[in-house]
Amino acid sequence: MSKIKDSIAIIGLGCRFPGGSDNPGEFWDFLKHGKNGISRIPLDRWNSDTYYHPDYTTPGKISVKWGGIIDGIDRFDAAFFNISPREAVRLDPQHRMLLEISYRALEDAGQNVNELSGKDVGVFVGISAHDYGEIVMGPNEHASISGHSITGNANSIASNRISYVFNFKGPSYSVDTACSSSLIAAHNACQSLLNGDCSLALLGGVNTLIKPEI
């Protein structure tokens, strides 16, 4: 988003949704043809048969085997963002996707990332899930915990990482108000533009559930 006098214009988009919609054009096609983004939960998330029970009141069980699955969340071109393999493996997939989609959104907006370096670009992110952090800092991972385990999974860092990688100097923070996180982030981005705190705002939202508990 950018500010034009006292108005705000959305000048670029990026997305990644269940059902294989990895850009706005694919998502529009998905909606236009009434496609279904719900599929069986794959084994690389968890074994749905282990947790399934048709009675949702059964303790310790889940009453569904299906969900809106985004494929390939473990794939990430760390070198493109100058992130080391050692750090990348500790990086929450949500952080990875935010970096990738931020770059795509800026491309879609016709913005040169290098020319934006050092400029007052704000970053506002809605994020609340923290499943990956529980995995990489779980009891079986204590011997491999490092500083990257902390920064790679802190929701507060998700927005700051984008600002750091692209060298943006505007406001940068994450919002967690559960299901309304992205909406509140959007409100804050608009207010920041109208207040003159930044001349361009990058707004994003992400939610990835990779453990069965939630």
C-alpha atoms as a PDB file:
ATOM      1  CA  MET A   1       0.000   0.000   0.000  1.00  0.00           C
ATOM      2  CA  SER A   2       1.115   3.550  -0.592  1.00  0.00           C
ATOM      3  CA  LYS A   3      -0.223   6.956   0.384  1.00  0.00           C
ATOM      4  CA  ILE A   4      -1.535   9.312  -2.293  1.00  0.00           C
ATOM      5  CA  LYS A   5      -2.364  12.648  -0.637  1.00  0.00           C
ATOM      6  CA  ASP A   6      -4.990  11.644   1.929  1.00  0.00           C
ATOM      7  CA  SER A   7      -5.960   8.404   0.197  1.00  0.00           C
ATOM      8  CA  ILE A   8      -4.416   4.932   0.333  1.00  0.00           C
ATOM      9  CA  ALA A   9      -3.872   2.786  -2.736  1.00  0.00           C
ATOM     10  CA  ILE A  10      -3.259  -0.968  -2.805  1.00  0.00           C
ATOM     11  CA  ILE A  11      -0.639  -1.264  -5.545  1.00  0.00           C
ATOM     12  CA  GLY A  12       0.527  -4.872  -5.291  1.00  0.00           C
ATOM     13  CA  LEU A  13      -0.563  -8.289  -4.051  1.00  0.00           C
ATOM     14  CA  GLY A  14       0.999 -11.601  -3.153  1.00  0.00           C
ATOM     15  CA  CYS A  15      -0.606 -14.741  -1.748  1.00  0.00           C
ATOM     16  CA  ARG A  16      -0.283 -18.409  -1.041  1.00  0.00           C
ATOM     17  CA  PHE A  17      -3.435 -20.361  -0.205  1.00  0.00           C
ATOM     18  CA  PRO A  18      -4.646 -23.962   0.073  1.00  0.00           C
ATOM     19  CA  GLY A  19      -5.624 -25.580  -3.184  1.00  0.00           C
ATOM     20  CA  GLY A  20      -2.454 -24.569  -5.022  1.00  0.00           C
ATOM     21  CA  SER A  21      -3.184 -20.846  -5.276  1.00  0.00           C
ATOM     22  CA  ASP A  22       0.305 -19.351  -5.181  1.00  0.00           C
ATOM     23  CA  ASN A  23      -0.412 -15.963  -6.748  1.00  0.00           C
ATOM     24  CA  PRO A  24      -3.417 -13.619  -7.157  1.00  0.00           C
ATOM     25  CA  GLY A  25      -4.180 -14.906 -10.665  1.00  0.00           C
ATOM     26  CA  GLU A  26      -4.341 -18.528  -9.526  1.00  0.00           C
ATOM     27  CA  PHE A  27      -6.450 -17.545  -6.524  1.00  0.00           C
ATOM     28  CA  TRP A  28      -8.906 -15.676  -8.747  1.00  0.00           C
ATOM     29  CA  ASP A  29      -9.145 -18.715 -11.021  1.00  0.00           C
ATOM     30  CA  PHE A  30      -9.690 -20.882  -7.941  1.00  0.00           C
ATOM     31  CA  LEU A  31     -12.609 -18.709  -6.814  1.00  0.00           C
ATOM     32  CA  LYS A  32     -14.064 -18.229 -10.285  1.00  0.00           C
ATOM     33  CA  HIS A  33     -14.316 -21.981 -10.878  1.00  0.00           C
ATOM     34  CA  GLY A  34     -15.531 -22.831  -7.378  1.00  0.00           C
ATOM     35  CA  LYS A  35     -12.621 -25.121  -6.593  1.00  0.00           C
ATOM     36  CA  ASN A  36     -12.233 -26.890  -3.253  1.00  0.00           C
ATOM     37  CA  GLY A  37      -9.128 -26.186  -1.168  1.00  0.00           C
ATOM     38  CA  ILE A  38      -9.883 -28.776   1.501  1.00  0.00           C
ATOM     39  CA  SER A  39      -7.933 -32.056   1.386  1.00  0.00           C
ATOM     40  CA  ARG A  40      -6.847 -34.932   3.600  1.00  0.00           C
ATOM     41  CA  ILE A  41      -4.225 -33.918   6.152  1.00  0.00           C
ATOM     42  CA  PRO A  42      -0.894 -35.299   4.809  1.00  0.00           C
ATOM     43  CA  LEU A  43       1.448 -37.434   6.862  1.00  0.00           C
ATOM     44  CA  ASP A  44       4.142 -34.760   6.798  1.00  0.00           C
ATOM     45  CA  ARG A  45       1.857 -32.728   9.082  1.00  0.00           C
ATOM     46  CA  TRP A  46       0.573 -35.539  11.298  1.00  0.00           C
ATOM     47  CA  ASN A  47      -1.083 -38.937  11.053  1.00  0.00           C
ATOM     48  CA  SER A  48      -4.755 -38.013  11.091  1.00  0.00           C
ATOM     49  CA  ASP A  49      -5.811 -41.625  11.720  1.00  0.00           C
ATOM     50  CA  THR A  50      -3.933 -41.594  15.019  1.00  0.00           C
ATOM     51  CA  TYR A  51      -5.838 -38.569  16.301  1.00  0.00           C
ATOM     52  CA  TYR A  52      -9.200 -39.071  14.598  1.00  0.00           C
ATOM     53  CA  HIS A  53     -12.427 -40.005  16.359  1.00  0.00           C
ATOM     54  CA  PRO A  54     -15.903 -39.266  14.970  1.00  0.00           C
ATOM     55  CA  ASP A  55     -17.087 -38.047  18.376  1.00  0.00           C
ATOM     56  CA  TYR A  56     -15.545 -34.598  18.840  1.00  0.00           C
ATOM     57  CA  THR A  57     -16.065 -34.802  22.620  1.00  0.00           C
ATOM     58  CA  THR A  58     -13.553 -37.663  22.934  1.00  0.00           C
ATOM     59  CA  PRO A  59     -10.537 -36.370  24.918  1.00  0.00           C
ATOM     60  CA  GLY A  60      -7.265 -36.244  23.016  1.00  0.00           C
ATOM     61  CA  LYS A  61      -8.919 -36.790  19.629  1.00  0.00           C
ATOM     62  CA  ILE A  62      -9.852 -34.720  16.552  1.00  0.00           C
ATOM     63  CA  SER A  63     -13.157 -35.165  14.758  1.00  0.00           C
ATOM     64  CA  VAL A  64     -11.810 -34.342  11.263  1.00  0.00           C
ATOM     65  CA  LYS A  65      -9.143 -35.687   8.927  1.00  0.00           C
ATOM     66  CA  TRP A  66      -9.197 -32.770   6.513  1.00  0.00           C
ATOM     67  CA  GLY A  67      -7.979 -29.195   6.328  1.00  0.00           C
ATOM     68  CA  GLY A  68      -6.879 -26.344   4.101  1.00  0.00           C
ATOM     69  CA  ILE A  69      -3.342 -27.478   3.353  1.00  0.00           C
ATOM     70  CA  ILE A  70      -0.595 -25.320   1.859  1.00  0.00           C
ATOM     71  CA  ASP A  71       1.898 -27.625   0.155  1.00  0.00           C
ATOM     72  CA  GLY A  72       5.661 -27.364   0.420  1.00  0.00           C
ATOM     73  CA  ILE A  73       5.906 -25.123   3.462  1.00  0.00           C
ATOM     74  CA  ASP A  74       9.230 -26.834   4.232  1.00  0.00           C
ATOM     75  CA  ARG A  75      10.772 -25.586   0.975  1.00  0.00           C
ATOM     76  CA  PHE A  76      12.632 -22.296   1.157  1.00  0.00           C
ATOM     77  CA  ASP A  77      15.374 -20.627  -0.900  1.00  0.00           C
ATOM     78  CA  ALA A  78      17.377 -19.403   2.080  1.00  0.00           C
ATOM     79  CA  ALA A  79      20.342 -18.274  -0.028  1.00  0.00           C
ATOM     80  CA  PHE A  80      18.112 -15.858  -1.968  1.00  0.00           C
ATOM     81  CA  PHE A  81      17.510 -13.969   1.291  1.00  0.00           C
ATOM     82  CA  ASN A  82      21.114 -14.362   2.497  1.00  0.00           C
ATOM     83  CA  ILE A  83      20.035 -16.678   5.304  1.00  0.00           C
ATOM     84  CA  SER A  84      22.408 -19.468   6.270  1.00  0.00           C
ATOM     85  CA  PRO A  85      21.260 -23.124   6.184  1.00  0.00           C
ATOM     86  CA  ARG A  86      21.889 -23.341   9.927  1.00  0.00           C
ATOM     87  CA  GLU A  87      19.488 -20.488  10.584  1.00  0.00           C
ATOM     88  CA  ALA A  88      16.974 -21.529   7.915  1.00  0.00           C
ATOM     89  CA  VAL A  89      16.262 -24.913   9.504  1.00  0.00           C
ATOM     90  CA  ARG A  90      15.236 -23.116  12.712  1.00  0.00           C
ATOM     91  CA  LEU A  91      13.058 -20.630  10.856  1.00  0.00           C
ATOM     92  CA  ASP A  92       9.302 -20.947  11.325  1.00  0.00           C
ATOM     93  CA  PRO A  93       7.683 -21.722   7.945  1.00  0.00           C
ATOM     94  CA  GLN A  94       5.492 -18.686   8.596  1.00  0.00           C
ATOM     95  CA  HIS A  95       8.580 -16.453   8.581  1.00  0.00           C
ATOM     96  CA  ARG A  96       9.768 -18.120   5.375  1.00  0.00           C
ATOM     97  CA  MET A  97       6.469 -17.609   3.570  1.00  0.00           C
ATOM     98  CA  LEU A  98       6.218 -13.994   4.713  1.00  0.00           C
ATOM     99  CA  LEU A  99       9.621 -13.256   3.180  1.00  0.00           C
ATOM    100  CA  GLU A 100       8.733 -14.974  -0.085  1.00  0.00           C
ATOM    101  CA  ILE A 101       5.283 -13.429  -0.460  1.00  0.00           C
ATOM    102  CA  SER A 102       6.557  -9.983   0.561  1.00  0.00           C
ATOM    103  CA  TYR A 103       9.041 -10.115  -2.284  1.00  0.00           C
ATOM    104  CA  ARG A 104       6.338 -11.230  -4.726  1.00  0.00           C
ATOM    105  CA  ALA A 105       3.967  -8.481  -3.564  1.00  0.00           C
ATOM    106  CA  LEU A 106       6.627  -5.839  -4.093  1.00  0.00           C
ATOM    107  CA  GLU A 107       7.342  -7.272  -7.547  1.00  0.00           C
ATOM    108  CA  ASP A 108       3.631  -7.187  -8.345  1.00  0.00           C
ATOM    109  CA  ALA A 109       3.588  -3.538  -7.256  1.00  0.00           C
ATOM    110  CA  GLY A 110       6.443  -2.737  -9.635  1.00  0.00           C
ATOM    111  CA  GLN A 111       8.707  -1.828  -6.735  1.00  0.00           C
ATOM    112  CA  ASN A 112      12.472  -2.385  -6.951  1.00  0.00           C
ATOM    113  CA  VAL A 113      13.508  -3.893  -3.613  1.00  0.00           C
ATOM    114  CA  ASN A 114      17.047  -2.519  -3.920  1.00  0.00           C
ATOM    115  CA  GLU A 115      15.758   0.991  -4.515  1.00  0.00           C
ATOM    116  CA  LEU A 116      13.538   0.718  -1.428  1.00  0.00           C
ATOM    117  CA  SER A 117      16.524  -0.167   0.761  1.00  0.00           C
ATOM    118  CA  GLY A 118      16.943   2.416   3.510  1.00  0.00           C
ATOM    119  CA  LYS A 119      13.564   4.007   2.786  1.00  0.00           C
ATOM    120  CA  ASP A 120      10.687   4.561   5.220  1.00  0.00           C
ATOM    121  CA  VAL A 121       8.815   1.386   4.278  1.00  0.00           C
ATOM    122  CA  GLY A 122       6.628   0.046   7.089  1.00  0.00           C
ATOM    123  CA  VAL A 123       5.979  -3.644   7.729  1.00  0.00           C
ATOM    124  CA  PHE A 124       2.815  -4.816   9.503  1.00  0.00           C
ATOM    125  CA  VAL A 125       2.135  -8.514  10.034  1.00  0.00           C
ATOM    126  CA  GLY A 126      -0.791 -10.408  11.533  1.00  0.00           C
ATOM    127  CA  ILE A 127       0.436 -13.667  13.063  1.00  0.00           C
ATOM    128  CA  SER A 128      -0.591 -15.793  16.040  1.00  0.00           C
ATOM    129  CA  ALA A 129       0.306 -19.494  15.537  1.00  0.00           C
ATOM    130  CA  HIS A 130       3.552 -20.791  17.053  1.00  0.00           C
ATOM    131  CA  ASP A 131       3.541 -24.527  16.334  1.00  0.00           C
ATOM    132  CA  TYR A 132       7.009 -24.749  14.798  1.00  0.00           C
ATOM    133  CA  GLY A 133       8.616 -23.175  17.852  1.00  0.00           C
ATOM    134  CA  GLU A 134       7.133 -25.882  20.029  1.00  0.00           C
ATOM    135  CA  ILE A 135       8.701 -28.485  17.731  1.00  0.00           C
ATOM    136  CA  VAL A 136      12.233 -27.064  17.465  1.00  0.00           C
ATOM    137  CA  MET A 137      12.366 -26.308  21.180  1.00  0.00           C
ATOM    138  CA  GLY A 138      10.624 -29.502  22.302  1.00  0.00           C
ATOM    139  CA  PRO A 139      12.118 -32.019  24.778  1.00  0.00           C
ATOM    140  CA  ASN A 140      13.766 -34.038  22.003  1.00  0.00           C
ATOM    141  CA  GLU A 141      15.467 -30.958  20.527  1.00  0.00           C
ATOM    142  CA  HIS A 142      17.156 -29.484  23.594  1.00  0.00           C
ATOM    143  CA  ALA A 143      20.666 -30.398  22.403  1.00  0.00           C
ATOM    144  CA  SER A 144      20.212 -28.451  19.159  1.00  0.00           C
ATOM    145  CA  ILE A 145      18.575 -25.300  20.508  1.00  0.00           C
ATOM    146  CA  SER A 146      20.437 -22.139  19.519  1.00  0.00           C
ATOM    147  CA  GLY A 147      19.822 -18.415  19.288  1.00  0.00           C
ATOM    148  CA  HIS A 148      18.238 -19.045  15.897  1.00  0.00           C
ATOM    149  CA  SER A 149      15.622 -21.221  17.613  1.00  0.00           C
ATOM    150  CA  ILE A 150      14.456 -18.163  19.524  1.00  0.00           C
ATOM    151  CA  THR A 151      14.556 -15.489  16.826  1.00  0.00           C
ATOM    152  CA  GLY A 152      13.383 -17.932  14.172  1.00  0.00           C
ATOM    153  CA  ASN A 153      10.133 -18.622  16.005  1.00  0.00           C
ATOM    154  CA  ALA A 154       9.235 -15.419  17.813  1.00  0.00           C
ATOM    155  CA  ASN A 155       6.122 -13.922  16.240  1.00  0.00           C
ATOM    156  CA  SER A 156       7.423 -10.467  17.119  1.00  0.00           C
ATOM    157  CA  ILE A 157      10.410 -11.076  14.833  1.00  0.00           C
ATOM    158  CA  ALA A 158       8.314 -12.085  11.792  1.00  0.00           C
ATOM    159  CA  SER A 159       7.808  -8.473  10.702  1.00  0.00           C
ATOM    160  CA  ASN A 160      11.251  -7.321  11.817  1.00  0.00           C
ATOM    161  CA  ARG A 161      12.906 -10.024   9.717  1.00  0.00           C
ATOM    162  CA  ILE A 162      11.294  -8.606   6.576  1.00  0.00           C
ATOM    163  CA  SER A 163      12.472  -5.108   7.486  1.00  0.00           C
ATOM    164  CA  TYR A 164      15.967  -6.394   8.213  1.00  0.00           C
ATOM    165  CA  VAL A 165      16.347  -8.493   5.047  1.00  0.00           C
ATOM    166  CA  PHE A 166      15.160  -5.659   2.763  1.00  0.00           C
ATOM    167  CA  ASN A 167      16.646  -2.855   4.921  1.00  0.00           C
ATOM    168  CA  PHE A 168      13.324  -1.077   5.403  1.00  0.00           C
ATOM    169  CA  LYS A 169      13.420   1.768   7.919  1.00  0.00           C
ATOM    170  CA  GLY A 170       9.729   2.367   8.601  1.00  0.00           C
ATOM    171  CA  PRO A 171       7.626   1.044  11.519  1.00  0.00           C
ATOM    172  CA  SER A 172       7.859  -2.722  11.861  1.00  0.00           C
ATOM    173  CA  TYR A 173       5.790  -4.869  14.170  1.00  0.00           C
ATOM    174  CA  SER A 174       3.637  -7.962  14.441  1.00  0.00           C
ATOM    175  CA  VAL A 175       0.055  -8.082  15.679  1.00  0.00           C
ATOM    176  CA  ASP A 176      -1.544 -10.989  17.526  1.00  0.00           C
ATOM    177  CA  THR A 177      -5.242 -10.554  18.197  1.00  0.00           C
ATOM    178  CA  ALA A 178      -6.045 -14.151  17.217  1.00  0.00           C
ATOM    179  CA  CYS A 179      -8.452 -14.373  14.255  1.00  0.00           C
ATOM    180  CA  SER A 180      -8.507 -10.607  13.733  1.00  0.00           C
ATOM    181  CA  SER A 181      -4.692 -10.227  13.622  1.00  0.00           C
ATOM    182  CA  SER A 182      -4.459  -9.358   9.918  1.00  0.00           C
ATOM    183  CA  LEU A 183      -7.392  -6.954  10.133  1.00  0.00           C
ATOM    184  CA  ILE A 184      -5.791  -5.049  13.009  1.00  0.00           C
ATOM    185  CA  ALA A 185      -2.459  -5.069  11.160  1.00  0.00           C
ATOM    186  CA  ALA A 186      -4.236  -3.565   8.136  1.00  0.00           C
ATOM    187  CA  HIS A 187      -5.770  -0.850  10.323  1.00  0.00           C
ATOM    188  CA  ASN A 188      -2.374  -0.014  11.807  1.00  0.00           C
ATOM    189  CA  ALA A 189      -0.755   0.066   8.360  1.00  0.00           C
ATOM    190  CA  CYS A 190      -3.378   2.538   7.128  1.00  0.00           C
ATOM    191  CA  GLN A 191      -2.984   4.728  10.197  1.00  0.00           C
ATOM    192  CA  SER A 192       0.786   4.721   9.788  1.00  0.00           C
ATOM    193  CA  LEU A 193       0.460   5.868   6.165  1.00  0.00           C
ATOM    194  CA  LEU A 194      -2.070   8.576   7.025  1.00  0.00           C
ATOM    195  CA  ASN A 195       0.079   9.798   9.929  1.00  0.00           C
ATOM    196  CA  GLY A 196       3.137  10.027   7.694  1.00  0.00           C
ATOM    197  CA  ASP A 197       5.069   7.423   9.682  1.00  0.00           C
ATOM    198  CA  CYS A 198       5.872   5.657   6.407  1.00  0.00           C
ATOM    199  CA  SER A 199       5.422   6.350   2.702  1.00  0.00           C
ATOM    200  CA  LEU A 200       4.889   2.706   1.726  1.00  0.00           C
ATOM    201  CA  ALA A 201       3.468  -0.096   3.853  1.00  0.00           C
ATOM    202  CA  LEU A 202       3.902  -3.814   3.444  1.00  0.00           C
ATOM    203  CA  LEU A 203       0.963  -5.596   5.064  1.00  0.00           C
ATOM    204  CA  GLY A 204       0.743  -9.348   5.543  1.00  0.00           C
ATOM    205  CA  GLY A 205      -0.987 -12.125   7.412  1.00  0.00           C
ATOM    206  CA  VAL A 206       0.046 -15.734   7.928  1.00  0.00           C
ATOM    207  CA  ASN A 207      -1.301 -18.766   9.759  1.00  0.00           C
ATOM    208  CA  THR A 208       0.152 -22.269   9.540  1.00  0.00           C
ATOM    209  CA  LEU A 209      -0.944 -25.115  11.808  1.00  0.00           C
ATOM    210  CA  ILE A 210       1.600 -27.936  11.732  1.00  0.00           C
ATOM    211  CA  LYS A 211       0.717 -29.686  14.986  1.00  0.00           C
ATOM    212  CA  PRO A 212      -2.602 -31.367  15.797  1.00  0.00           C
ATOM    213  CA  GLU A 213      -3.220 -29.775  19.207  1.00  0.00           C
ATOM    214  CA  ILE A 214      -4.717 -26.456  18.033  1.00  0.00           C
END
